[in-house]
C-alpha atoms as a PDB file:
ATOM      1  CA  MET A   1      71.481  54.107  49.561  1.00  0.00           C
ATOM      2  CA  ASN A   2      73.087  55.661  52.753  1.00  0.00           C
ATOM      3  CA  ILE A   3      76.209  56.411  50.473  1.00  0.00           C
ATOM      4  CA  LEU A   4      74.104  58.066  47.900  1.00  0.00           C
ATOM      5  CA  MET A   5      72.177  60.552  50.537  1.00  0.00           C
ATOM      6  CA  ASP A   6      75.852  61.408  52.064  1.00  0.00           C
ATOM      7  CA  VAL A   7      77.202  62.369  49.112  1.00  0.00           C
ATOM      8  CA  SER A   8      74.395  64.387  48.170  1.00  0.00           C
ATOM      9  CA  VAL A   9      74.476  66.410  51.840  1.00  0.00           C
ATOM     10  CA  ALA A  10      78.116  66.826  51.609  1.00  0.00           C
ATOM     11  CA  GLY A  11      77.861  68.034  48.102  1.00  0.00           C
ATOM     12  CA  SER A  12      75.518  70.868  49.222  1.00  0.00           C
ATOM     13  CA  GLN A  13      78.268  72.886  50.324  1.00  0.00           C
ATOM     14  CA  PHE A  14      80.108  73.661  47.331  1.00  0.00           C
ATOM     15  CA  PRO A  15      77.211  75.938  45.538  1.00  0.00           C
ATOM     16  CA  THR A  16      77.226  77.825  48.587  1.00  0.00           C
ATOM     17  CA  ALA A  17      81.126  78.222  48.967  1.00  0.00           C
ATOM     18  CA  PHE A  18      81.251  79.070  45.432  1.00  0.00           C
ATOM     19  CA  THR A  19      78.394  81.576  45.117  1.00  0.00           C
ATOM     20  CA  ALA A  20      80.172  83.504  48.260  1.00  0.00           C
ATOM     21  CA  VAL A  21      83.583  83.495  46.547  1.00  0.00           C
ATOM     22  CA  TYR A  22      81.820  85.297  43.543  1.00  0.00           C
ATOM     23  CA  VAL A  23      79.775  87.654  45.721  1.00  0.00           C
ATOM     24  CA  VAL A  24      82.971  88.694  47.443  1.00  0.00           C
ATOM     25  CA  GLY A  25      84.595  88.908  44.389  1.00  0.00           C
ATOM     26  CA  PHE A  26      82.134  91.095  42.597  1.00  0.00           C
ATOM     27  CA  ILE A  27      82.041  93.865  45.812  1.00  0.00           C
ATOM     28  CA  ALA A  28      85.835  94.088  45.938  1.00  0.00           C
ATOM     29  CA  ALA A  29      85.766  94.661  42.031  1.00  0.00           C
ATOM     30  CA  VAL A  30      83.004  97.529  42.364  1.00  0.00           C
ATOM     31  CA  SER A  31      84.855  98.877  45.302  1.00  0.00           C
ATOM     32  CA  ILE A  32      88.619  98.831  43.781  1.00  0.00           C
ATOM     33  CA  GLY A  33      86.934 100.215  40.296  1.00  0.00           C
ATOM     34  CA  SER A  34      85.214 102.973  42.305  1.00  0.00           C
ATOM     35  CA  ILE A  35      88.418 104.107  44.119  1.00  0.00           C
ATOM     36  CA  ALA A  36      89.926 104.200  40.423  1.00  0.00           C
ATOM     37  CA  TRP A  37      87.619 105.997  38.898  1.00  0.00           C
ATOM     38  CA  TYR A  38      87.586 108.724  41.566  1.00  0.00           C
ATOM     39  CA  ASN A  39      91.249 108.842  40.940  1.00  0.00           C
ATOM     40  CA  SER A  40      91.239 109.494  37.563  1.00  0.00           C
ATOM     41  CA  LYS A  41      90.534 112.516  35.290  1.00  0.00           C
ATOM     42  CA  ARG A  42      86.894 113.582  35.682  1.00  0.00           C
ATOM     43  CA  PRO A  43      84.925 113.580  32.726  1.00  0.00           C
ATOM     44  CA  ALA A  44      83.469 116.424  30.916  1.00  0.00           C
ATOM     45  CA  GLY A  45      80.852 118.166  33.690  1.00  0.00           C
ATOM     46  CA  TRP A  46      82.558 116.673  36.497  1.00  0.00           C
ATOM     47  CA  GLU A  47      85.733 118.248  36.762  1.00  0.00           C
ATOM     48  CA  ASP A  48      84.264 120.387  39.759  1.00  0.00           C
ATOM     49  CA  LYS A  49      82.997 117.615  41.761  1.00  0.00           C
ATOM     50  CA  ASP A  50      84.481 116.844  45.148  1.00  0.00           C
ATOM     51  CA  ARG A  51      86.238 113.563  46.009  1.00  0.00           C
ATOM     52  CA  PRO A  52      84.150 111.838  48.622  1.00  0.00           C
ATOM     53  CA  ASP A  53      85.853 111.622  52.225  1.00  0.00           C
ATOM     54  CA  ILE A  54      85.861 107.764  52.028  1.00  0.00           C
ATOM     55  CA  VAL A  55      88.099 107.370  48.872  1.00  0.00           C
ATOM     56  CA  PRO A  56      91.570 107.871  49.299  1.00  0.00           C
ATOM     57  CA  GLU A  57      93.976 110.336  47.753  1.00  0.00           C
ATOM     58  CA  ILE A  58      96.585 108.314  45.404  1.00  0.00           C
ATOM     59  CA  LYS A  59     100.011 110.326  44.598  1.00  0.00           C
ATOM     60  CA  LYS A  60     101.210 109.704  41.233  1.00  0.00           C
ATOM     61  CA  GLU A  61     105.166 109.534  41.301  1.00  0.00           C
ATOM     62  CA  GLU A  62     106.694 110.539  37.960  1.00  0.00           C
ATOM     63  CA  THR A  63     108.599 107.998  36.284  1.00  0.00           C
ATOM     64  CA  PRO A  64     111.982 109.098  34.303  1.00  0.00           C
ATOM     65  CA  GLY A  65     112.546 108.212  30.776  1.00  0.00           C
ATOM     66  CA  LEU A  66     108.888 107.913  29.949  1.00  0.00           C
END
């Protein structure tokens, strides 16, 4: 009986770590997506809006031959 209790206690950390990975991944995806959206062409009606200060400016490089 003690063995089963030890397994259940050790196994309870997996869902917490699993959830933490998904939460951190979601936050990273939203952050990266927001930066990409702000650096893309503006949708209709948003052309004159300023970029927020926290979003970095990304310089586009011209690729010859494309």
